[in-house]
């Protein structure tokens, strides 16, 4: 390799290193507080009253109910939209789900929609709460079995002369049970607890009707 080729290779390496530094700096800036999209998204939804308004457009559809439900269940796509909007909000922020029907629904229809939405999210909250409790109690039971197997292994090791081939599975089972219980308490348990908080946020949401509430609109109203 000639001297010129070596110098060219060094320049290429320096260029790659510089490009990597720039890339990492730009990636880090994305998570900086003033650039984070999730914070700006939250700020855009939270109004002066401290509540986040989820605006749902019902003006383009004939009925918000599933066609199979006798007006008892909402179209699942509506819930999908609401859930996606709420996903990036902190669970502690109060919610208002605001349906824009352009004044075409009767008060009876609005009341039916309101009750349907409240019932749906209350059922989801109860389901998440029960799943969290089941996960927690099963963790205690599995931990108990793990401790029993471990104590049995220790006692047999001290007072017995059991074959190691029989003892090793006992030790493995005990540690598997203990690890699984730890997983349910701290890892999957934490995820289920977050699900409970998120479901609770939606279960406590207010349901109203009217024109969309937006940050820009609130600024104009002040003027």
N, C-alpha and C. Protein backbone atom coordinates (compact mmCIF):
# COMPACT_ATOMS: atom_id res chain seq x y z
N UNK A 1 0.85 -1.20 0.00
CA UNK A 1 0.00 0.00 0.00
C UNK A 1 0.88 1.25 0.00
N UNK A 2 0.59 2.16 -0.91
CA UNK A 2 1.39 3.37 -1.01
C UNK A 2 1.04 4.36 0.10
N UNK A 3 1.91 5.38 0.23
CA UNK A 3 1.69 6.40 1.25
C UNK A 3 0.40 7.17 0.99
N UNK A 4 0.13 7.45 -0.29
CA UNK A 4 -1.10 8.17 -0.64
C UNK A 4 -2.34 7.35 -0.27
N UNK A 5 -2.28 6.05 -0.51
CA UNK A 5 -3.40 5.17 -0.18
C UNK A 5 -3.63 5.11 1.33
N UNK A 6 -2.52 5.06 2.10
CA UNK A 6 -2.65 5.05 3.56
C UNK A 6 -3.28 6.34 4.07
N UNK A 7 -2.85 7.48 3.49
CA UNK A 7 -3.42 8.77 3.90
C UNK A 7 -4.92 8.85 3.55
N UNK A 8 -5.26 8.32 2.38
CA UNK A 8 -6.67 8.31 1.96
C UNK A 8 -7.50 7.45 2.90
N UNK A 9 -6.93 6.30 3.33
CA UNK A 9 -7.63 5.40 4.26
C UNK A 9 -7.84 6.07 5.61
N UNK A 10 -6.82 6.80 6.08
CA UNK A 10 -6.94 7.52 7.35
C UNK A 10 -8.03 8.59 7.27
N UNK A 11 -8.08 9.29 6.13
CA UNK A 11 -9.11 10.32 5.95
C UNK A 11 -10.50 9.71 5.94
N UNK A 12 -10.63 8.54 5.30
CA UNK A 12 -11.93 7.85 5.28
C UNK A 12 -12.35 7.45 6.68
N UNK A 13 -11.39 6.96 7.47
CA UNK A 13 -11.71 6.56 8.85
C UNK A 13 -12.12 7.76 9.69
N UNK A 14 -11.39 8.87 9.52
CA UNK A 14 -11.74 10.09 10.26
C UNK A 14 -13.12 10.59 9.86
N UNK A 15 -13.42 10.49 8.58
CA UNK A 15 -14.73 10.91 8.10
C UNK A 15 -15.84 10.05 8.70
N UNK A 16 -15.62 8.74 8.76
CA UNK A 16 -16.61 7.82 9.34
C UNK A 16 -16.80 8.10 10.82
N UNK A 17 -15.68 8.33 11.54
CA UNK A 17 -15.77 8.63 12.97
C UNK A 17 -16.52 9.94 13.22
N UNK A 18 -16.26 10.94 12.39
CA UNK A 18 -16.95 12.21 12.53
C UNK A 18 -18.44 12.08 12.24
N UNK A 19 -18.78 11.30 11.21
CA UNK A 19 -20.18 11.05 10.89
C UNK A 19 -20.88 10.32 12.04
N UNK A 20 -20.19 9.37 12.65
CA UNK A 20 -20.75 8.64 13.80
C UNK A 20 -20.98 9.57 14.99
N UNK A 21 -20.03 10.48 15.24
CA UNK A 21 -20.18 11.44 16.34
C UNK A 21 -21.39 12.34 16.11
N UNK A 22 -21.53 12.82 14.88
CA UNK A 22 -22.66 13.69 14.55
C UNK A 22 -23.98 12.94 14.72
N UNK A 23 -24.00 11.69 14.25
CA UNK A 23 -25.21 10.87 14.36
C UNK A 23 -25.61 10.66 15.82
N UNK A 24 -24.64 10.28 16.67
CA UNK A 24 -24.93 10.04 18.09
C UNK A 24 -25.38 11.33 18.79
N UNK A 25 -24.77 12.46 18.40
CA UNK A 25 -25.18 13.73 19.01
C UNK A 25 -26.62 14.07 18.64
N UNK A 26 -26.98 13.85 17.37
CA UNK A 26 -28.34 14.13 16.94
C UNK A 26 -29.35 13.19 17.59
N UNK A 27 -28.96 11.92 17.78
CA UNK A 27 -29.82 10.95 18.46
C UNK A 27 -30.05 11.36 19.91
N UNK A 28 -28.98 11.80 20.59
CA UNK A 28 -29.11 12.24 21.98
C UNK A 28 -29.99 13.48 22.09
N UNK A 29 -29.91 14.37 21.09
CA UNK A 29 -30.73 15.58 21.11
C UNK A 29 -32.22 15.25 21.01
N UNK A 30 -32.54 14.16 20.31
CA UNK A 30 -33.95 13.76 20.20
C UNK A 30 -34.57 13.47 21.56
N UNK A 31 -33.73 13.01 22.51
CA UNK A 31 -34.25 12.68 23.85
C UNK A 31 -34.12 13.85 24.82
N UNK A 32 -33.46 14.92 24.38
CA UNK A 32 -33.37 16.11 25.23
C UNK A 32 -34.77 16.66 25.47
N UNK A 33 -35.00 17.22 26.64
CA UNK A 33 -36.35 17.61 27.04
C UNK A 33 -37.01 18.57 26.06
N UNK A 34 -36.25 19.52 25.52
CA UNK A 34 -36.87 20.53 24.65
C UNK A 34 -37.19 19.98 23.27
N UNK A 35 -36.61 18.80 22.92
CA UNK A 35 -36.88 18.22 21.60
C UNK A 35 -37.80 17.00 21.66
N UNK A 36 -38.05 16.46 22.84
CA UNK A 36 -38.79 15.20 22.93
C UNK A 36 -40.21 15.37 22.42
N UNK A 37 -40.55 14.53 21.44
CA UNK A 37 -41.87 14.60 20.79
C UNK A 37 -42.98 14.26 21.76
N UNK A 38 -42.72 13.31 22.69
CA UNK A 38 -43.76 12.90 23.63
C UNK A 38 -44.18 14.06 24.54
N UNK A 39 -43.21 14.90 24.94
CA UNK A 39 -43.52 16.05 25.80
C UNK A 39 -44.31 17.09 25.02
N UNK A 40 -43.89 17.34 23.77
CA UNK A 40 -44.62 18.30 22.94
C UNK A 40 -46.03 17.79 22.63
N UNK A 41 -46.14 16.47 22.42
CA UNK A 41 -47.45 15.86 22.15
C UNK A 41 -48.37 16.04 23.37
N UNK A 42 -47.82 15.80 24.56
CA UNK A 42 -48.60 15.96 25.78
C UNK A 42 -49.00 17.41 25.99
N UNK A 43 -48.07 18.31 25.78
CA UNK A 43 -48.37 19.74 25.95
C UNK A 43 -49.47 20.22 25.00
N UNK A 44 -49.52 19.63 23.80
CA UNK A 44 -50.53 20.02 22.82
C UNK A 44 -51.92 19.56 23.23
N UNK A 45 -52.01 18.47 23.99
CA UNK A 45 -53.31 17.93 24.39
C UNK A 45 -53.81 18.49 25.72
N UNK A 46 -52.90 18.89 26.59
CA UNK A 46 -53.29 19.39 27.92
C UNK A 46 -53.64 20.87 27.83
N UNK A 47 -54.86 21.19 28.25
CA UNK A 47 -55.34 22.57 28.21
C UNK A 47 -55.06 23.29 29.53
N UNK A 48 -55.55 24.52 29.62
CA UNK A 48 -55.29 25.35 30.80
C UNK A 48 -55.90 24.77 32.08
N UNK A 49 -56.94 23.93 31.94
CA UNK A 49 -57.55 23.34 33.12
C UNK A 49 -56.81 22.11 33.61
N UNK A 50 -55.67 21.78 32.97
CA UNK A 50 -54.86 20.64 33.40
C UNK A 50 -55.33 19.30 32.88
N UNK A 51 -56.34 19.29 32.03
CA UNK A 51 -56.88 18.05 31.48
C UNK A 51 -56.45 17.88 30.03
N UNK A 52 -56.25 16.62 29.66
CA UNK A 52 -55.91 16.30 28.27
C UNK A 52 -57.19 15.97 27.51
N UNK A 53 -57.38 16.63 26.39
CA UNK A 53 -58.60 16.44 25.59
C UNK A 53 -58.30 15.54 24.39
N UNK A 54 -59.00 14.41 24.34
CA UNK A 54 -58.90 13.50 23.20
C UNK A 54 -60.10 13.75 22.30
N UNK A 55 -59.87 14.40 21.18
CA UNK A 55 -60.95 14.75 20.27
C UNK A 55 -61.21 13.62 19.29
N UNK A 56 -62.47 13.19 19.22
CA UNK A 56 -62.86 12.07 18.36
C UNK A 56 -63.88 12.58 17.34
N UNK A 57 -63.56 12.45 16.08
CA UNK A 57 -64.42 12.94 15.00
C UNK A 57 -65.44 11.87 14.62
N UNK A 58 -66.72 12.15 14.91
CA UNK A 58 -67.81 11.24 14.54
C UNK A 58 -68.64 11.78 13.38
N UNK A 59 -68.18 12.87 12.79
CA UNK A 59 -68.98 13.52 11.74
C UNK A 59 -68.97 12.75 10.42
N UNK A 60 -67.97 11.87 10.24
CA UNK A 60 -67.83 11.18 8.96
C UNK A 60 -68.51 9.81 8.94
N UNK A 61 -69.10 9.41 10.07
CA UNK A 61 -69.73 8.09 10.13
C UNK A 61 -71.21 8.23 10.48
N UNK A 62 -71.98 7.26 10.05
CA UNK A 62 -73.41 7.29 10.31
C UNK A 62 -73.71 6.97 11.77
N UNK A 63 -73.05 5.91 12.28
CA UNK A 63 -73.26 5.51 13.67
C UNK A 63 -71.93 5.05 14.27
N UNK A 64 -71.63 5.43 15.53
CA UNK A 64 -70.39 5.00 16.16
C UNK A 64 -70.44 3.58 16.72
N UNK A 65 -71.61 2.95 16.67
CA UNK A 65 -71.78 1.63 17.26
C UNK A 65 -71.44 0.53 16.26
N UNK A 66 -71.00 -0.60 16.80
CA UNK A 66 -70.76 -1.77 15.96
C UNK A 66 -72.10 -2.22 15.37
N UNK A 67 -72.07 -2.61 14.12
CA UNK A 67 -73.32 -2.95 13.42
C UNK A 67 -73.96 -4.22 13.96
N UNK A 68 -73.23 -5.00 14.77
CA UNK A 68 -73.77 -6.25 15.30
C UNK A 68 -74.27 -6.13 16.74
N UNK A 69 -74.17 -4.95 17.35
CA UNK A 69 -74.32 -4.85 18.80
C UNK A 69 -75.64 -4.27 19.29
N UNK A 70 -76.58 -3.96 18.39
CA UNK A 70 -77.84 -3.32 18.81
C UNK A 70 -77.56 -2.05 19.61
N UNK A 71 -76.57 -1.27 19.13
CA UNK A 71 -76.19 -0.01 19.79
C UNK A 71 -75.76 -0.20 21.24
N UNK A 72 -75.07 -1.32 21.49
CA UNK A 72 -74.58 -1.60 22.84
C UNK A 72 -73.04 -1.54 22.93
N UNK A 73 -72.37 -1.66 21.79
CA UNK A 73 -70.91 -1.64 21.79
C UNK A 73 -70.42 -0.69 20.70
N UNK A 74 -69.39 0.09 21.05
CA UNK A 74 -68.83 1.04 20.10
C UNK A 74 -67.98 0.30 19.06
N UNK A 75 -67.82 0.94 17.93
CA UNK A 75 -66.91 0.41 16.90
C UNK A 75 -65.50 0.31 17.50
N UNK A 76 -64.87 -0.86 17.44
CA UNK A 76 -63.54 -1.03 18.06
C UNK A 76 -62.50 -0.04 17.55
N UNK A 77 -62.64 0.44 16.33
CA UNK A 77 -61.67 1.39 15.79
C UNK A 77 -61.65 2.70 16.58
N UNK A 78 -62.79 3.05 17.15
CA UNK A 78 -62.85 4.27 17.98
C UNK A 78 -62.01 4.09 19.23
N UNK A 79 -62.13 2.93 19.87
CA UNK A 79 -61.30 2.65 21.05
C UNK A 79 -59.82 2.59 20.69
N UNK A 80 -59.51 2.00 19.54
CA UNK A 80 -58.11 1.94 19.10
C UNK A 80 -57.53 3.34 18.96
N UNK A 81 -58.32 4.24 18.38
CA UNK A 81 -57.85 5.62 18.20
C UNK A 81 -57.62 6.29 19.56
N UNK A 82 -58.58 6.15 20.47
CA UNK A 82 -58.45 6.77 21.80
C UNK A 82 -57.24 6.20 22.53
N UNK A 83 -57.08 4.89 22.50
CA UNK A 83 -55.95 4.25 23.19
C UNK A 83 -54.61 4.72 22.63
N UNK A 84 -54.53 4.87 21.32
CA UNK A 84 -53.28 5.34 20.71
C UNK A 84 -52.97 6.78 21.10
N UNK A 85 -54.01 7.61 21.23
CA UNK A 85 -53.80 9.00 21.63
C UNK A 85 -53.33 9.09 23.09
N UNK A 86 -53.87 8.22 23.93
CA UNK A 86 -53.56 8.26 25.36
C UNK A 86 -52.22 7.61 25.67
N UNK A 87 -51.72 6.77 24.78
CA UNK A 87 -50.53 5.96 25.04
C UNK A 87 -49.34 6.79 25.52
N UNK A 88 -49.13 7.98 24.95
CA UNK A 88 -47.95 8.78 25.27
C UNK A 88 -48.21 9.80 26.38
N UNK A 89 -49.38 9.73 27.01
CA UNK A 89 -49.68 10.63 28.12
C UNK A 89 -49.35 9.97 29.45
N UNK A 90 -48.93 10.78 30.41
CA UNK A 90 -48.73 10.26 31.76
C UNK A 90 -50.08 9.86 32.36
N UNK A 91 -50.08 8.76 33.10
CA UNK A 91 -51.33 8.22 33.64
C UNK A 91 -51.97 9.17 34.66
N UNK A 92 -51.20 10.08 35.22
CA UNK A 92 -51.73 10.99 36.25
C UNK A 92 -52.53 12.15 35.66
N UNK A 93 -52.49 12.33 34.35
CA UNK A 93 -53.19 13.46 33.73
C UNK A 93 -54.66 13.11 33.53
N UNK A 94 -55.58 13.92 34.04
CA UNK A 94 -57.01 13.68 33.83
C UNK A 94 -57.37 13.78 32.34
N UNK A 95 -58.31 12.94 31.92
CA UNK A 95 -58.69 12.89 30.51
C UNK A 95 -60.11 13.38 30.29
N UNK A 96 -60.31 13.96 29.13
CA UNK A 96 -61.65 14.27 28.63
C UNK A 96 -61.73 13.71 27.21
N UNK A 97 -62.62 12.74 27.01
CA UNK A 97 -62.86 12.21 25.67
C UNK A 97 -64.00 13.02 25.06
N UNK A 98 -63.68 13.79 24.03
CA UNK A 98 -64.67 14.73 23.48
C UNK A 98 -65.06 14.29 22.06
N UNK A 99 -66.33 13.93 21.92
CA UNK A 99 -66.85 13.48 20.64
C UNK A 99 -67.46 14.66 19.88
N UNK A 100 -67.03 14.81 18.65
CA UNK A 100 -67.60 15.84 17.77
C UNK A 100 -68.62 15.16 16.84
N UNK A 101 -69.91 15.35 17.13
CA UNK A 101 -70.98 14.74 16.33
C UNK A 101 -71.62 15.75 15.38
N UNK A 102 -71.12 16.98 15.39
CA UNK A 102 -71.65 18.06 14.54
C UNK A 102 -73.13 18.31 14.80
N UNK A 103 -73.57 17.99 16.03
CA UNK A 103 -74.94 18.26 16.44
C UNK A 103 -75.99 17.34 15.84
N UNK A 104 -75.58 16.21 15.26
CA UNK A 104 -76.57 15.35 14.58
C UNK A 104 -77.15 14.27 15.48
N UNK A 105 -76.56 14.05 16.66
CA UNK A 105 -77.07 13.01 17.55
C UNK A 105 -78.02 13.60 18.58
N UNK A 106 -79.05 12.85 18.93
CA UNK A 106 -80.00 13.27 19.96
C UNK A 106 -79.35 13.12 21.34
N UNK A 107 -79.97 13.73 22.33
CA UNK A 107 -79.46 13.62 23.70
C UNK A 107 -79.48 12.17 24.18
N UNK A 108 -80.50 11.44 23.74
CA UNK A 108 -80.58 10.02 24.10
C UNK A 108 -79.42 9.23 23.51
N UNK A 109 -79.08 9.53 22.25
CA UNK A 109 -77.96 8.88 21.58
C UNK A 109 -76.64 9.22 22.27
N UNK A 110 -76.47 10.49 22.61
CA UNK A 110 -75.25 10.92 23.31
C UNK A 110 -75.11 10.21 24.65
N UNK A 111 -76.21 10.12 25.37
CA UNK A 111 -76.18 9.45 26.67
C UNK A 111 -75.83 7.97 26.52
N UNK A 112 -76.34 7.36 25.46
CA UNK A 112 -76.02 5.96 25.19
C UNK A 112 -74.53 5.78 24.88
N UNK A 113 -73.99 6.69 24.07
CA UNK A 113 -72.56 6.64 23.75
C UNK A 113 -71.72 6.82 25.01
N UNK A 114 -72.11 7.81 25.82
CA UNK A 114 -71.39 8.09 27.05
C UNK A 114 -71.35 6.87 27.97
N UNK A 115 -72.51 6.24 28.18
CA UNK A 115 -72.59 5.06 29.05
C UNK A 115 -71.79 3.89 28.49
N UNK A 116 -71.84 3.75 27.15
CA UNK A 116 -71.11 2.65 26.51
C UNK A 116 -69.60 2.79 26.69
N UNK A 117 -69.10 4.01 26.50
CA UNK A 117 -67.66 4.25 26.64
C UNK A 117 -67.22 4.06 28.09
N UNK A 118 -67.99 4.60 29.03
CA UNK A 118 -67.66 4.47 30.46
C UNK A 118 -67.67 3.00 30.86
N UNK A 119 -68.68 2.25 30.41
CA UNK A 119 -68.76 0.82 30.74
C UNK A 119 -67.55 0.05 30.19
N UNK A 120 -67.19 0.35 28.95
CA UNK A 120 -66.07 -0.34 28.31
C UNK A 120 -64.78 -0.15 29.10
N UNK A 121 -64.46 1.10 29.45
CA UNK A 121 -63.20 1.36 30.13
C UNK A 121 -63.23 0.91 31.59
N UNK A 122 -64.38 0.89 32.20
CA UNK A 122 -64.48 0.32 33.55
C UNK A 122 -64.24 -1.19 33.52
N UNK A 123 -64.77 -1.86 32.51
CA UNK A 123 -64.53 -3.30 32.37
C UNK A 123 -63.05 -3.59 32.13
N UNK A 124 -62.42 -2.75 31.31
CA UNK A 124 -60.99 -2.93 31.05
C UNK A 124 -60.17 -2.71 32.32
N UNK A 125 -60.56 -1.72 33.11
CA UNK A 125 -59.87 -1.46 34.37
C UNK A 125 -60.00 -2.65 35.32
N UNK A 126 -61.22 -3.17 35.45
CA UNK A 126 -61.43 -4.33 36.32
C UNK A 126 -60.61 -5.53 35.86
N UNK A 127 -60.56 -5.74 34.54
CA UNK A 127 -59.80 -6.86 33.99
C UNK A 127 -58.31 -6.71 34.29
N UNK A 128 -57.77 -5.50 34.10
CA UNK A 128 -56.35 -5.25 34.38
C UNK A 128 -56.05 -5.40 35.87
N UNK A 129 -56.98 -4.93 36.71
CA UNK A 129 -56.78 -5.02 38.17
C UNK A 129 -56.77 -6.49 38.62
N UNK A 130 -57.69 -7.29 38.09
CA UNK A 130 -57.74 -8.70 38.43
C UNK A 130 -56.50 -9.43 37.94
N UNK A 131 -56.05 -9.10 36.71
CA UNK A 131 -54.85 -9.73 36.16
C UNK A 131 -53.62 -9.39 37.01
N UNK A 132 -53.54 -8.15 37.50
CA UNK A 132 -52.43 -7.75 38.37
C UNK A 132 -52.44 -8.52 39.68
N UNK A 133 -53.63 -8.66 40.27
CA UNK A 133 -53.73 -9.40 41.53
C UNK A 133 -53.40 -10.87 41.36
N UNK A 134 -53.91 -11.47 40.26
CA UNK A 134 -53.61 -12.88 40.00
C UNK A 134 -52.10 -13.09 39.83
N UNK A 135 -51.47 -12.18 39.11
CA UNK A 135 -50.03 -12.27 38.90
C UNK A 135 -49.28 -12.17 40.22
N UNK A 136 -49.75 -11.27 41.11
CA UNK A 136 -49.10 -11.07 42.41
C UNK A 136 -49.27 -12.30 43.31
N UNK A 137 -50.50 -12.82 43.40
CA UNK A 137 -50.74 -13.98 44.27
C UNK A 137 -50.06 -15.24 43.74
N UNK A 138 -50.06 -15.43 42.43
CA UNK A 138 -49.36 -16.59 41.87
C UNK A 138 -47.86 -16.50 42.15
N UNK A 139 -47.32 -15.25 42.17
CA UNK A 139 -45.92 -15.07 42.52
C UNK A 139 -45.63 -15.52 43.94
N UNK A 140 -46.55 -15.23 44.88
CA UNK A 140 -46.37 -15.68 46.27
C UNK A 140 -46.41 -17.21 46.37
N UNK A 141 -47.36 -17.83 45.65
CA UNK A 141 -47.45 -19.29 45.68
C UNK A 141 -46.19 -19.94 45.10
N UNK A 142 -45.73 -19.42 43.97
CA UNK A 142 -44.52 -19.99 43.35
C UNK A 142 -43.31 -19.79 44.25
N UNK A 143 -43.22 -18.63 44.90
CA UNK A 143 -42.13 -18.38 45.84
C UNK A 143 -42.18 -19.37 46.99
N UNK A 144 -43.39 -19.64 47.49
CA UNK A 144 -43.54 -20.62 48.58
C UNK A 144 -43.06 -22.00 48.18
N UNK A 145 -43.43 -22.43 46.98
CA UNK A 145 -42.96 -23.73 46.50
C UNK A 145 -41.44 -23.74 46.36
N UNK A 146 -40.89 -22.64 45.86
CA UNK A 146 -39.44 -22.57 45.70
C UNK A 146 -38.72 -22.67 47.02
N UNK A 147 -39.24 -21.99 48.05
CA UNK A 147 -38.62 -22.04 49.39
C UNK A 147 -38.73 -23.44 49.97
N UNK A 148 -39.89 -24.10 49.79
CA UNK A 148 -40.08 -25.47 50.29
C UNK A 148 -39.07 -26.41 49.64
N UNK A 149 -38.92 -26.33 48.31
CA UNK A 149 -37.96 -27.19 47.61
C UNK A 149 -36.53 -26.90 48.07
N UNK A 150 -36.22 -25.62 48.29
CA UNK A 150 -34.87 -25.25 48.71
C UNK A 150 -34.57 -25.76 50.12
N UNK A 151 -35.54 -25.61 51.04
CA UNK A 151 -35.36 -26.11 52.41
C UNK A 151 -35.22 -27.63 52.40
N UNK A 152 -36.03 -28.29 51.57
CA UNK A 152 -35.93 -29.75 51.46
C UNK A 152 -34.56 -30.16 50.97
N UNK A 153 -34.05 -29.44 49.99
CA UNK A 153 -32.71 -29.74 49.47
C UNK A 153 -31.65 -29.57 50.56
N UNK A 154 -31.75 -28.47 51.32
CA UNK A 154 -30.76 -28.22 52.38
C UNK A 154 -30.82 -29.30 53.45
N UNK A 155 -32.05 -29.66 53.87
CA UNK A 155 -32.19 -30.68 54.92
C UNK A 155 -31.68 -32.04 54.46
N UNK A 156 -31.98 -32.41 53.23
CA UNK A 156 -31.50 -33.69 52.70
C UNK A 156 -29.98 -33.68 52.55
N UNK A 157 -29.43 -32.50 52.24
CA UNK A 157 -27.97 -32.41 52.11
C UNK A 157 -27.28 -32.58 53.45
N UNK A 158 -27.93 -32.08 54.51
CA UNK A 158 -27.32 -32.14 55.85
C UNK A 158 -27.53 -33.50 56.50
N UNK A 159 -28.76 -34.00 56.44
CA UNK A 159 -29.09 -35.21 57.20
C UNK A 159 -29.18 -36.48 56.36
N UNK A 160 -29.07 -36.36 55.06
CA UNK A 160 -29.21 -37.54 54.23
C UNK A 160 -28.00 -37.76 53.35
N UNK A 161 -27.94 -38.89 52.74
CA UNK A 161 -26.85 -39.21 51.81
C UNK A 161 -27.47 -39.56 50.46
N UNK A 162 -28.18 -38.56 49.90
CA UNK A 162 -28.90 -38.78 48.65
C UNK A 162 -27.97 -38.65 47.46
N UNK A 163 -28.33 -39.34 46.40
CA UNK A 163 -27.57 -39.29 45.16
C UNK A 163 -27.65 -37.89 44.56
N UNK A 164 -26.52 -37.38 44.08
CA UNK A 164 -26.49 -36.03 43.51
C UNK A 164 -27.38 -35.90 42.29
N UNK A 165 -27.59 -37.01 41.57
CA UNK A 165 -28.46 -36.98 40.40
C UNK A 165 -29.89 -36.65 40.80
N UNK A 166 -30.31 -37.09 41.98
CA UNK A 166 -31.64 -36.79 42.48
C UNK A 166 -31.72 -35.42 43.15
N UNK A 167 -30.59 -34.97 43.70
CA UNK A 167 -30.58 -33.71 44.43
C UNK A 167 -30.55 -32.49 43.49
N UNK A 168 -29.82 -32.61 42.40
CA UNK A 168 -29.68 -31.48 41.49
C UNK A 168 -31.01 -30.99 40.91
N UNK A 169 -31.90 -31.90 40.46
CA UNK A 169 -33.20 -31.41 39.98
C UNK A 169 -33.99 -30.66 41.04
N UNK A 170 -33.84 -31.12 42.31
CA UNK A 170 -34.53 -30.45 43.41
C UNK A 170 -34.04 -29.02 43.57
N UNK A 171 -32.71 -28.85 43.47
CA UNK A 171 -32.12 -27.51 43.57
C UNK A 171 -32.52 -26.64 42.38
N UNK A 172 -32.51 -27.23 41.20
CA UNK A 172 -32.88 -26.48 39.99
C UNK A 172 -34.33 -26.01 40.07
N UNK A 173 -35.23 -26.90 40.49
CA UNK A 173 -36.65 -26.54 40.60
C UNK A 173 -36.84 -25.40 41.60
N UNK A 174 -36.13 -25.47 42.72
CA UNK A 174 -36.28 -24.43 43.74
C UNK A 174 -35.86 -23.07 43.20
N UNK A 175 -34.72 -23.01 42.49
CA UNK A 175 -34.24 -21.73 41.98
C UNK A 175 -35.10 -21.24 40.82
N UNK A 176 -35.62 -22.15 40.01
CA UNK A 176 -36.53 -21.75 38.93
C UNK A 176 -37.79 -21.10 39.51
N UNK A 177 -38.34 -21.70 40.58
CA UNK A 177 -39.53 -21.15 41.23
C UNK A 177 -39.24 -19.77 41.83
N UNK A 178 -38.09 -19.65 42.49
CA UNK A 178 -37.73 -18.37 43.12
C UNK A 178 -37.54 -17.29 42.05
N UNK A 179 -36.85 -17.64 40.96
CA UNK A 179 -36.64 -16.67 39.90
C UNK A 179 -37.96 -16.26 39.25
N UNK A 180 -38.85 -17.23 39.02
CA UNK A 180 -40.14 -16.92 38.41
C UNK A 180 -40.95 -15.99 39.30
N UNK A 181 -40.89 -16.20 40.61
CA UNK A 181 -41.62 -15.31 41.53
C UNK A 181 -41.04 -13.90 41.49
N UNK A 182 -39.71 -13.79 41.43
CA UNK A 182 -39.07 -12.47 41.34
C UNK A 182 -39.50 -11.77 40.05
N UNK A 183 -39.56 -12.55 38.96
CA UNK A 183 -40.00 -11.99 37.68
C UNK A 183 -41.42 -11.44 37.79
N UNK A 184 -42.30 -12.18 38.47
CA UNK A 184 -43.69 -11.73 38.60
C UNK A 184 -43.83 -10.52 39.52
N UNK A 185 -42.96 -10.43 40.52
CA UNK A 185 -43.04 -9.30 41.43
C UNK A 185 -42.49 -8.01 40.80
N UNK A 186 -41.35 -8.11 40.10
CA UNK A 186 -40.63 -6.90 39.70
C UNK A 186 -40.68 -6.59 38.21
N UNK A 187 -40.80 -7.59 37.35
CA UNK A 187 -40.74 -7.34 35.91
C UNK A 187 -42.13 -7.35 35.28
N UNK A 188 -42.71 -8.53 35.13
CA UNK A 188 -44.07 -8.60 34.58
C UNK A 188 -45.07 -7.92 35.51
N UNK A 189 -44.79 -7.97 36.82
CA UNK A 189 -45.66 -7.30 37.79
C UNK A 189 -45.68 -5.80 37.58
N UNK A 190 -44.50 -5.23 37.29
CA UNK A 190 -44.44 -3.79 37.04
C UNK A 190 -45.22 -3.42 35.79
N UNK A 191 -45.09 -4.24 34.74
CA UNK A 191 -45.82 -3.98 33.50
C UNK A 191 -47.33 -4.03 33.73
N UNK A 192 -47.77 -5.01 34.50
CA UNK A 192 -49.21 -5.11 34.78
C UNK A 192 -49.69 -3.93 35.63
N UNK A 193 -48.83 -3.45 36.52
CA UNK A 193 -49.20 -2.30 37.34
C UNK A 193 -49.36 -1.06 36.48
N UNK A 194 -48.48 -0.89 35.49
CA UNK A 194 -48.59 0.22 34.55
C UNK A 194 -49.90 0.11 33.76
N UNK A 195 -50.25 -1.13 33.38
CA UNK A 195 -51.52 -1.35 32.66
C UNK A 195 -52.71 -0.94 33.53
N UNK A 196 -52.62 -1.22 34.83
CA UNK A 196 -53.70 -0.85 35.75
C UNK A 196 -53.84 0.67 35.80
N UNK A 197 -52.72 1.39 35.92
CA UNK A 197 -52.78 2.85 35.98
C UNK A 197 -53.34 3.44 34.68
N UNK A 198 -52.89 2.89 33.54
CA UNK A 198 -53.38 3.40 32.25
C UNK A 198 -54.87 3.13 32.08
N UNK A 199 -55.30 1.92 32.48
CA UNK A 199 -56.73 1.59 32.39
C UNK A 199 -57.55 2.45 33.34
N UNK A 200 -56.99 2.72 34.53
CA UNK A 200 -57.67 3.59 35.49
C UNK A 200 -57.82 5.00 34.98
N UNK A 201 -56.81 5.50 34.27
CA UNK A 201 -56.88 6.84 33.69
C UNK A 201 -58.05 6.94 32.72
N UNK A 202 -58.24 5.91 31.89
CA UNK A 202 -59.35 5.91 30.93
C UNK A 202 -60.69 5.68 31.61
N UNK A 203 -60.69 4.86 32.66
CA UNK A 203 -61.94 4.60 33.38
C UNK A 203 -62.46 5.85 34.08
N UNK A 204 -61.55 6.75 34.46
CA UNK A 204 -61.94 7.98 35.15
C UNK A 204 -62.18 9.15 34.18
N UNK A 205 -62.02 8.90 32.88
CA UNK A 205 -62.14 9.98 31.89
C UNK A 205 -63.56 10.52 31.81
N UNK A 206 -63.67 11.82 31.60
CA UNK A 206 -64.95 12.45 31.32
C UNK A 206 -65.30 12.24 29.85
N UNK A 207 -66.56 12.08 29.55
CA UNK A 207 -67.01 11.95 28.16
C UNK A 207 -67.94 13.12 27.86
N UNK A 208 -67.57 13.92 26.86
CA UNK A 208 -68.37 15.10 26.52
C UNK A 208 -68.56 15.16 25.00
N UNK A 209 -69.44 16.08 24.58
CA UNK A 209 -69.74 16.27 23.16
C UNK A 209 -69.59 17.74 22.80
N UNK A 210 -69.15 17.98 21.57
CA UNK A 210 -68.98 19.35 21.11
C UNK A 210 -67.84 19.47 20.14
N UNK A 211 -67.51 20.68 19.78
CA UNK A 211 -66.42 20.93 18.85
C UNK A 211 -65.08 20.56 19.49
N UNK A 212 -64.09 20.19 18.68
CA UNK A 212 -62.78 19.81 19.24
C UNK A 212 -62.17 20.91 20.09
N UNK A 213 -61.54 20.51 21.17
CA UNK A 213 -60.83 21.46 22.04
C UNK A 213 -59.35 21.34 21.74
N UNK A 214 -58.77 22.42 21.27
CA UNK A 214 -57.35 22.42 20.90
C UNK A 214 -56.64 23.61 21.51
N UNK A 215 -55.33 23.50 21.60
CA UNK A 215 -54.52 24.56 22.18
C UNK A 215 -54.68 25.86 21.40
N UNK A 216 -54.65 25.75 20.06
CA UNK A 216 -54.76 26.94 19.23
C UNK A 216 -56.10 27.64 19.45
N UNK A 217 -57.17 26.82 19.57
CA UNK A 217 -58.50 27.39 19.79
C UNK A 217 -58.58 28.13 21.11
N UNK A 218 -57.94 27.57 22.15
CA UNK A 218 -58.00 28.20 23.46
C UNK A 218 -57.26 29.53 23.47
N UNK A 219 -56.16 29.62 22.65
CA UNK A 219 -55.41 30.88 22.57
C UNK A 219 -56.23 31.94 21.89
N UNK A 220 -56.95 31.57 20.81
CA UNK A 220 -57.79 32.51 20.10
C UNK A 220 -58.92 33.03 20.96
N UNK A 221 -59.50 32.11 21.76
CA UNK A 221 -60.60 32.50 22.64
C UNK A 221 -60.15 33.54 23.64
N UNK A 222 -58.88 33.38 24.14
CA UNK A 222 -58.36 34.35 25.11
C UNK A 222 -58.22 35.73 24.48
N UNK A 223 -57.78 35.72 23.20
CA UNK A 223 -57.62 37.00 22.50
C UNK A 223 -58.98 37.67 22.28
